[in-house]
């Protein structure tokens, strides 16, 4: 694949990940981890692995992705954010 096409794909993944977590207040290393996780989850190869190789349907993949991102966001925000009344 030409380098320009590879860069376009990376840019698109970055934009999607940013859209998913862009409003999260986490910054620094924690925010970077959250964006990296979101970026990883929206890549073709991650999705393919979870669905094709491990048998999850699309709904299960989405549910898992949301849970992972939510868990990391709560970790970044600190212990008080994980306590729901």
Foldseek 3Di string as FASTA:
>chain_A
DDPVVVVVVLVVLLVQLCVVCVVQPFDDPLVVVLSVLSSVLPDPVNVCCVPVVVPDDPVVSVVVSVVVSVVSSDVRVDDVSVDDD
